[in-house]
Amino acid sequence: MPKLSKAEVTRVYSSHAIAITGTAGFLGSTLLKALENDKRFKHIIAIDKKPPPFKLKKAKWVCLDLTFGACDEKLVKLFRKKRCTTLVHTALLTKPVRNIEEAHELESVGTMRLLTAAADAKIYKLILSSTTDVYGAFPDNPNFLTEHHPARGGMLSPFLKDKVEVENQFLTFAEKHPEKMVTLLRQATILGPTVNNFKTHFLQNPLVPTVMGFDPLFQFVHEADVLRALLKTITEDHPGIFNIVGKGVLPLSRAIQITGKIPVPIPTFLLYPLAETLWYLNIGSVPGTHINFLKYLCIADGTKMWSRLRFQPVYTSQEALLGFVGRELNKEEFSKRLEEIEETN
């Protein structure tokens, strides 16, 4: 795969802009801050209907709602004016919402408008931040899900169905435009000291509900490694789908033990209706269909990440969890690991 030198990256991004959607959210704002502090990137466009959660130094925030019908026309003008060559799409919901129609309009329809604009503006590189949850948790899942495994998560909930649709739109775009560089990063559950999503809320509850008789394996990836993966695909060309996962897995019981919370095993026949009732009473954080993830495997294979993307996370799954609960990690050890990883690349 072509790999640009630092000087070449500087040359490309000194005259062309990079656009990021969803910059008010965790992942979009984290990437935006990293690019703000990177001298190689001169022109950055932050797209969101809300401003970024920090003061911008060189990036330009563009207030734009992907649910707005004519946003694709505005995007085309913006991309052309700023000579945008790279688009990173992170404007996806991080938790299920009760307004299914609004969520669909933002994710599925909004992505369609974004890709239409990207095609018209002749953007070269498109990167989608997705999730390994699109595989879904099912009793017939293999131990490790490769990128060739079908994304069946949409069978579980509208929340995941929209994400699968977004992925399919990117893949269709790649087929129609083989001259473009289209990359999909499927990240495992992101953990770390600053991340905030419905799964971190689940692990922060004093009492953590589990399904009686089940103890599935969980897989995490540290937020710093997700940022490294995004930066790598921005500065290098790697078309295709890649699972981004930390090394190793943890049984749910061990994960709960590390967080210091108390597991509350509940029989399946009680937990499903309980979760559904709490969801419709606006008390629960997820509908009952997500309980599949507390019963069955959804572990992604990281082989392609290493062999094709040449990417190796610094943190293991357990270390990502430890970082999330505030345990002190040995910074010198991780700096040494990062140096060794970069030397091998």
Protein backbone atom coordinates (compact mmCIF):
# COMPACT_ATOMS: atom_id res chain seq x y z
CA MET A 1 0.00 0.00 0.00
CA PRO A 2 1.30 3.49 -0.79
CA LYS A 3 2.75 5.17 2.24
CA LEU A 4 3.42 8.88 2.13
CA SER A 5 6.49 10.32 3.80
CA LYS A 6 5.99 13.06 6.37
CA ALA A 7 7.11 15.60 3.78
CA GLU A 8 4.60 14.27 1.23
CA VAL A 9 1.77 14.36 3.79
CA THR A 10 2.69 17.96 4.60
CA ARG A 11 2.71 18.85 0.90
CA VAL A 12 -0.70 17.27 0.23
CA TYR A 13 -2.45 18.74 3.26
CA SER A 14 -0.81 22.18 2.97
CA SER A 15 -2.90 22.91 -0.11
CA HIS A 16 -5.91 20.62 0.37
CA ALA A 17 -8.38 20.42 3.22
CA ILE A 18 -9.51 17.50 5.32
CA ALA A 19 -13.13 17.46 6.47
CA ILE A 20 -14.45 15.69 9.58
CA THR A 21 -18.14 15.16 10.33
CA GLY A 22 -19.47 14.77 13.87
CA THR A 23 -16.88 17.03 15.50
CA ALA A 24 -19.10 17.74 18.50
CA GLY A 25 -18.95 14.05 19.41
CA PHE A 26 -16.20 12.15 21.18
CA LEU A 27 -14.43 10.55 18.25
CA GLY A 28 -14.79 13.47 15.84
CA SER A 29 -13.60 16.00 18.41
CA THR A 30 -10.69 13.77 19.46
CA LEU A 31 -9.51 13.51 15.85
CA LEU A 32 -10.08 17.23 15.31
CA LYS A 33 -7.93 18.11 18.32
CA ALA A 34 -5.14 15.82 17.10
CA LEU A 35 -5.14 17.45 13.65
CA GLU A 36 -5.24 20.90 15.23
CA ASN A 37 -1.98 20.05 16.98
CA ASP A 38 -0.36 18.51 13.90
CA LYS A 39 1.58 21.01 11.78
CA ARG A 40 1.18 18.85 8.67
CA PHE A 41 -2.54 19.71 8.43
CA LYS A 42 -3.09 23.33 7.43
CA HIS A 43 -6.77 23.30 6.42
CA ILE A 44 -9.33 21.45 8.53
CA ILE A 45 -13.12 21.62 8.21
CA ALA A 46 -15.19 20.62 11.25
CA ILE A 47 -18.76 19.76 10.22
CA ASP A 48 -21.48 19.48 12.84
CA LYS A 49 -24.65 21.28 13.87
CA LYS A 50 -23.00 21.91 17.26
CA PRO A 51 -19.59 23.59 17.78
CA PRO A 52 -16.59 21.51 18.84
CA PRO A 53 -16.14 21.25 22.63
CA PHE A 54 -12.96 23.37 22.59
CA LYS A 55 -11.67 26.56 21.02
CA LEU A 56 -10.34 26.11 17.50
CA LYS A 57 -6.88 27.35 16.49
CA LYS A 58 -6.82 26.73 12.75
CA ALA A 59 -9.82 24.56 11.87
CA LYS A 60 -13.05 26.09 10.57
CA TRP A 61 -16.32 24.95 12.10
CA VAL A 62 -19.19 24.75 9.62
CA CYS A 63 -22.64 24.53 11.20
CA LEU A 64 -24.44 21.98 9.09
CA ASP A 65 -27.12 19.40 9.85
CA LEU A 66 -26.98 16.24 7.74
CA THR A 67 -30.73 15.82 8.25
CA PHE A 68 -31.28 19.08 6.33
CA GLY A 69 -32.57 18.25 2.84
CA ALA A 70 -30.34 20.61 0.87
CA CYS A 71 -27.16 19.99 2.88
CA ASP A 72 -25.54 18.10 -0.02
CA GLU A 73 -25.55 21.26 -2.16
CA LYS A 74 -23.89 23.22 0.64
CA LEU A 75 -21.37 20.45 1.15
CA VAL A 76 -20.39 20.38 -2.52
CA LYS A 77 -19.74 24.13 -2.49
CA LEU A 78 -17.78 23.84 0.75
CA PHE A 79 -15.64 20.91 -0.41
CA ARG A 80 -14.85 22.59 -3.74
CA LYS A 81 -14.07 25.96 -2.18
CA LYS A 82 -11.68 24.41 0.38
CA ARG A 83 -10.18 21.95 -2.13
CA CYS A 84 -11.12 19.10 0.17
CA THR A 85 -9.36 15.84 -0.65
CA THR A 86 -10.15 13.73 2.43
CA LEU A 87 -13.41 13.17 4.32
CA VAL A 88 -13.65 11.37 7.68
CA HIS A 89 -17.23 10.44 8.66
CA THR A 90 -17.76 10.08 12.41
CA ALA A 91 -21.26 11.60 12.66
CA LEU A 92 -22.91 8.40 13.87
CA LEU A 93 -24.92 8.00 17.05
CA THR A 94 -23.09 6.41 19.98
CA LYS A 95 -26.21 5.15 21.73
CA PRO A 96 -29.69 3.95 20.75
CA VAL A 97 -32.34 6.66 20.68
CA ARG A 98 -36.10 6.35 20.91
CA ASN A 99 -36.80 8.52 17.87
CA ILE A 100 -36.00 5.90 15.24
CA GLU A 101 -37.05 8.08 12.30
CA GLU A 102 -34.77 10.95 13.33
CA ALA A 103 -31.84 8.57 13.85
CA HIS A 104 -32.41 7.02 10.41
CA GLU A 105 -32.56 10.49 8.83
CA LEU A 106 -29.23 11.44 10.39
CA GLU A 107 -27.28 8.25 9.79
CA SER A 108 -28.62 6.55 6.69
CA VAL A 109 -30.12 9.46 4.75
CA GLY A 110 -27.48 11.90 6.02
CA THR A 111 -24.70 9.61 4.82
CA MET A 112 -26.37 9.35 1.41
CA ARG A 113 -26.31 13.15 1.12
CA LEU A 114 -22.70 13.26 2.29
CA LEU A 115 -21.55 10.69 -0.26
CA THR A 116 -23.46 12.44 -3.05
CA ALA A 117 -21.61 15.65 -2.19
CA ALA A 118 -18.27 13.82 -1.95
CA ALA A 119 -18.76 12.35 -5.43
CA ASP A 120 -19.74 15.70 -6.95
CA ALA A 121 -16.79 17.45 -5.29
CA LYS A 122 -14.44 14.65 -6.42
CA ILE A 123 -13.08 13.94 -2.95
CA TYR A 124 -10.34 11.33 -3.21
CA LYS A 125 -10.32 9.65 0.19
CA LEU A 126 -13.30 8.67 2.39
CA ILE A 127 -12.93 7.09 5.82
CA LEU A 128 -15.84 5.73 7.88
CA SER A 129 -15.61 5.19 11.63
CA SER A 130 -17.80 2.15 12.28
CA THR A 131 -18.10 -0.55 14.92
CA THR A 132 -17.64 -4.32 15.24
CA ASP A 133 -21.19 -4.39 16.66
CA VAL A 134 -22.43 -4.46 13.04
CA TYR A 135 -21.57 -8.20 13.09
CA GLY A 136 -24.18 -8.67 15.84
CA ALA A 137 -24.08 -11.15 18.73
CA PHE A 138 -25.59 -14.50 17.73
CA PRO A 139 -25.35 -18.06 19.04
CA ASP A 140 -23.86 -19.29 15.73
CA ASN A 141 -21.09 -16.68 15.56
CA PRO A 142 -17.58 -18.14 15.15
CA ASN A 143 -14.98 -17.47 17.83
CA PHE A 144 -13.46 -14.69 15.72
CA LEU A 145 -15.34 -12.66 13.10
CA THR A 146 -13.27 -11.67 10.09
CA GLU A 147 -14.10 -8.79 7.77
CA HIS A 148 -15.67 -11.32 5.35
CA HIS A 149 -18.35 -12.31 7.87
CA PRO A 150 -21.77 -10.80 7.05
CA ALA A 151 -22.81 -7.76 9.07
CA ARG A 152 -25.98 -9.13 10.70
CA GLY A 153 -26.30 -6.63 13.54
CA GLY A 154 -29.17 -4.92 11.76
CA MET A 155 -31.33 -7.93 12.64
CA LEU A 156 -31.08 -6.94 16.32
CA SER A 157 -32.10 -3.29 16.38
CA PRO A 158 -32.80 -0.17 14.28
CA PHE A 159 -29.71 1.38 15.93
CA LEU A 160 -27.43 -1.23 14.35
CA LYS A 161 -29.51 -1.48 11.17
CA ASP A 162 -28.72 2.16 10.40
CA LYS A 163 -24.99 1.52 10.93
CA VAL A 164 -25.06 -1.44 8.56
CA GLU A 165 -26.85 0.71 5.99
CA VAL A 166 -24.17 3.40 6.35
CA GLU A 167 -21.46 0.80 5.77
CA ASN A 168 -23.29 -0.58 2.73
CA GLN A 169 -23.50 2.92 1.26
CA PHE A 170 -19.73 3.35 1.63
CA LEU A 171 -19.10 -0.06 0.06
CA THR A 172 -21.44 0.71 -2.85
CA PHE A 173 -19.68 4.06 -3.30
CA ALA A 174 -16.34 2.24 -3.46
CA GLU A 175 -17.68 -0.12 -6.16
CA LYS A 176 -19.04 2.76 -8.25
CA HIS A 177 -15.87 4.82 -7.84
CA PRO A 178 -12.90 2.41 -7.92
CA GLU A 179 -10.58 5.38 -8.40
CA LYS A 180 -11.46 6.58 -4.87
CA MET A 181 -9.80 5.46 -1.63
CA VAL A 182 -12.57 4.17 0.68
CA THR A 183 -11.72 2.79 4.13
CA LEU A 184 -14.05 1.38 6.81
CA LEU A 185 -12.69 1.02 10.34
CA ARG A 186 -14.77 -1.29 12.54
CA GLN A 187 -13.72 -0.55 16.10
CA ALA A 188 -14.39 -2.80 19.06
CA THR A 189 -15.96 -1.19 22.14
CA ILE A 190 -13.86 1.93 22.73
CA LEU A 191 -12.62 2.43 26.30
CA GLY A 192 -10.16 4.80 27.91
CA PRO A 193 -9.99 7.68 30.37
CA THR A 194 -12.22 10.13 28.44
CA VAL A 195 -14.62 8.13 26.24
CA ASN A 196 -18.34 8.31 26.98
CA ASN A 197 -21.00 6.10 25.39
CA PHE A 198 -23.84 3.77 26.37
CA LYS A 199 -21.43 0.89 27.00
CA THR A 200 -19.31 2.93 29.40
CA HIS A 201 -22.54 3.88 31.19
CA PHE A 202 -23.37 0.17 31.43
CA LEU A 203 -20.04 -0.56 33.14
CA GLN A 204 -20.38 2.46 35.45
CA ASN A 205 -23.63 1.31 37.06
CA PRO A 206 -23.16 0.13 40.68
CA LEU A 207 -25.21 -2.95 39.80
CA VAL A 208 -24.52 -4.45 36.38
CA PRO A 209 -27.29 -6.72 35.01
CA THR A 210 -26.08 -9.94 33.38
CA VAL A 211 -27.90 -12.90 31.86
CA MET A 212 -28.04 -15.85 34.22
CA GLY A 213 -26.07 -18.79 32.82
CA PHE A 214 -24.09 -16.72 30.30
CA ASP A 215 -20.62 -15.16 30.56
CA PRO A 216 -19.63 -14.02 27.03
CA LEU A 217 -16.20 -12.75 26.12
CA PHE A 218 -15.77 -9.02 25.61
CA GLN A 219 -13.24 -7.17 23.47
CA PHE A 220 -12.11 -3.57 23.83
CA VAL A 221 -9.85 -1.09 22.10
CA HIS A 222 -8.21 1.90 23.75
CA GLU A 223 -9.30 5.36 22.57
CA ALA A 224 -5.67 6.32 21.85
CA ASP A 225 -5.31 3.33 19.50
CA VAL A 226 -8.52 4.26 17.65
CA LEU A 227 -7.07 7.74 17.07
CA ARG A 228 -3.81 6.20 15.79
CA ALA A 229 -5.75 4.00 13.36
CA LEU A 230 -7.68 6.99 12.01
CA LEU A 231 -4.47 9.01 11.55
CA LYS A 232 -2.82 6.09 9.80
CA THR A 233 -5.60 5.78 7.23
CA ILE A 234 -5.56 9.55 6.70
CA THR A 235 -1.84 9.64 5.94
CA GLU A 236 -1.66 6.30 4.11
CA ASP A 237 -3.85 4.62 1.49
CA HIS A 238 -5.56 1.47 2.76
CA PRO A 239 -8.83 0.66 0.96
CA GLY A 240 -11.24 -1.89 2.44
CA ILE A 241 -12.69 -2.93 5.78
CA PHE A 242 -10.52 -3.37 8.87
CA ASN A 243 -11.42 -4.57 12.36
CA ILE A 244 -9.65 -2.39 14.95
CA VAL A 245 -9.39 -4.38 18.18
CA GLY A 246 -7.19 -4.61 21.25
CA LYS A 247 -5.27 -7.83 21.85
CA GLY A 248 -6.97 -10.35 24.09
CA VAL A 249 -10.50 -10.75 25.40
CA LEU A 250 -12.15 -10.73 28.82
CA PRO A 251 -15.14 -12.65 30.19
CA LEU A 252 -17.90 -10.24 31.14
CA SER A 253 -17.62 -11.43 34.75
CA ARG A 254 -13.91 -10.44 34.82
CA ALA A 255 -14.65 -7.05 33.22
CA ILE A 256 -17.27 -6.30 35.88
CA GLN A 257 -14.82 -7.42 38.59
CA ILE A 258 -12.15 -5.01 37.30
CA THR A 259 -14.61 -2.11 37.34
CA GLY A 260 -15.45 -2.94 40.95
CA LYS A 261 -19.16 -3.22 40.24
CA ILE A 262 -21.63 -5.88 41.35
CA PRO A 263 -23.09 -8.30 38.77
CA VAL A 264 -26.80 -9.04 39.02
CA PRO A 265 -27.62 -12.24 37.10
CA ILE A 266 -31.20 -12.23 35.80
CA PRO A 267 -32.92 -15.07 33.90
CA THR A 268 -33.35 -14.41 30.19
CA PHE A 269 -37.14 -14.70 30.32
CA LEU A 270 -37.21 -11.85 32.87
CA LEU A 271 -34.41 -9.66 31.52
CA TYR A 272 -35.83 -9.19 27.99
CA PRO A 273 -39.26 -7.86 29.08
CA LEU A 274 -37.64 -5.87 31.90
CA ALA A 275 -35.23 -4.15 29.51
CA GLU A 276 -38.02 -3.44 27.02
CA THR A 277 -40.25 -1.97 29.73
CA LEU A 278 -37.48 0.26 31.09
CA TRP A 279 -36.64 1.35 27.53
CA TYR A 280 -40.19 2.42 26.76
CA LEU A 281 -40.48 4.15 30.17
CA ASN A 282 -37.43 6.22 29.17
CA ILE A 283 -35.41 4.72 32.02
CA GLY A 284 -33.29 2.03 30.32
CA SER A 285 -30.37 2.94 28.05
CA VAL A 286 -30.91 0.19 25.44
CA PRO A 287 -33.86 -1.89 24.18
CA GLY A 288 -34.12 -5.56 25.04
CA THR A 289 -32.72 -6.75 21.70
CA HIS A 290 -29.23 -5.58 22.75
CA ILE A 291 -29.22 -8.24 25.48
CA ASN A 292 -27.86 -10.61 22.84
CA PHE A 293 -24.48 -8.96 23.48
CA LEU A 294 -24.70 -10.17 27.11
CA LYS A 295 -25.25 -13.75 25.94
CA TYR A 296 -23.33 -14.47 22.76
CA LEU A 297 -19.90 -13.84 21.23
CA CYS A 298 -19.16 -10.83 19.06
CA ILE A 299 -15.35 -10.95 18.89
CA ALA A 300 -13.65 -9.53 15.82
CA ASP A 301 -10.49 -10.94 14.26
CA GLY A 302 -7.58 -8.48 14.11
CA THR A 303 -5.40 -10.41 11.65
CA LYS A 304 -6.12 -8.15 8.68
CA MET A 305 -5.51 -5.09 10.85
CA TRP A 306 -1.95 -6.23 11.34
CA SER A 307 -1.16 -8.01 8.08
CA ARG A 308 -2.73 -5.53 5.60
CA LEU A 309 -3.13 -2.27 7.49
CA ARG A 310 0.17 -2.85 9.32
CA PHE A 311 -1.44 -1.50 12.46
CA GLN A 312 -0.79 -2.80 15.96
CA PRO A 313 -2.61 -1.39 19.01
CA VAL A 314 -0.43 -0.32 21.92
CA TYR A 315 -2.99 -1.34 24.54
CA THR A 316 -4.58 -4.73 25.16
CA SER A 317 -8.30 -5.13 25.83
CA GLN A 318 -7.65 -5.41 29.56
CA GLU A 319 -5.40 -2.34 29.58
CA ALA A 320 -8.11 -0.35 27.77
CA LEU A 321 -10.53 -1.37 30.52
CA LEU A 322 -8.01 -0.46 33.23
CA GLY A 323 -7.54 2.95 31.63
CA PHE A 324 -11.30 3.42 31.64
CA VAL A 325 -11.61 2.74 35.38
CA GLY A 326 -8.76 5.12 36.15
CA ARG A 327 -6.03 2.65 37.05
CA GLU A 328 -2.55 4.12 36.72
CA LEU A 329 -0.79 2.66 33.68
CA ASN A 330 2.96 2.66 33.16
CA LYS A 331 3.46 5.45 30.63
CA GLU A 332 7.12 4.57 30.04
CA GLU A 333 6.17 1.00 29.18
CA PHE A 334 3.54 2.17 26.67
CA SER A 335 5.93 4.73 25.16
CA LYS A 336 8.47 1.95 24.69
CA ARG A 337 5.84 -0.28 23.06
CA LEU A 338 4.80 2.52 20.71
CA GLU A 339 8.42 3.10 19.67
CA GLU A 340 8.87 -0.61 18.95
CA ILE A 341 5.64 -0.71 16.91
CA GLU A 342 6.63 2.33 14.85
CA GLU A 343 10.07 0.85 14.19
CA THR A 344 8.52 -2.34 12.79
CA ASN A 345 6.36 -0.25 10.42
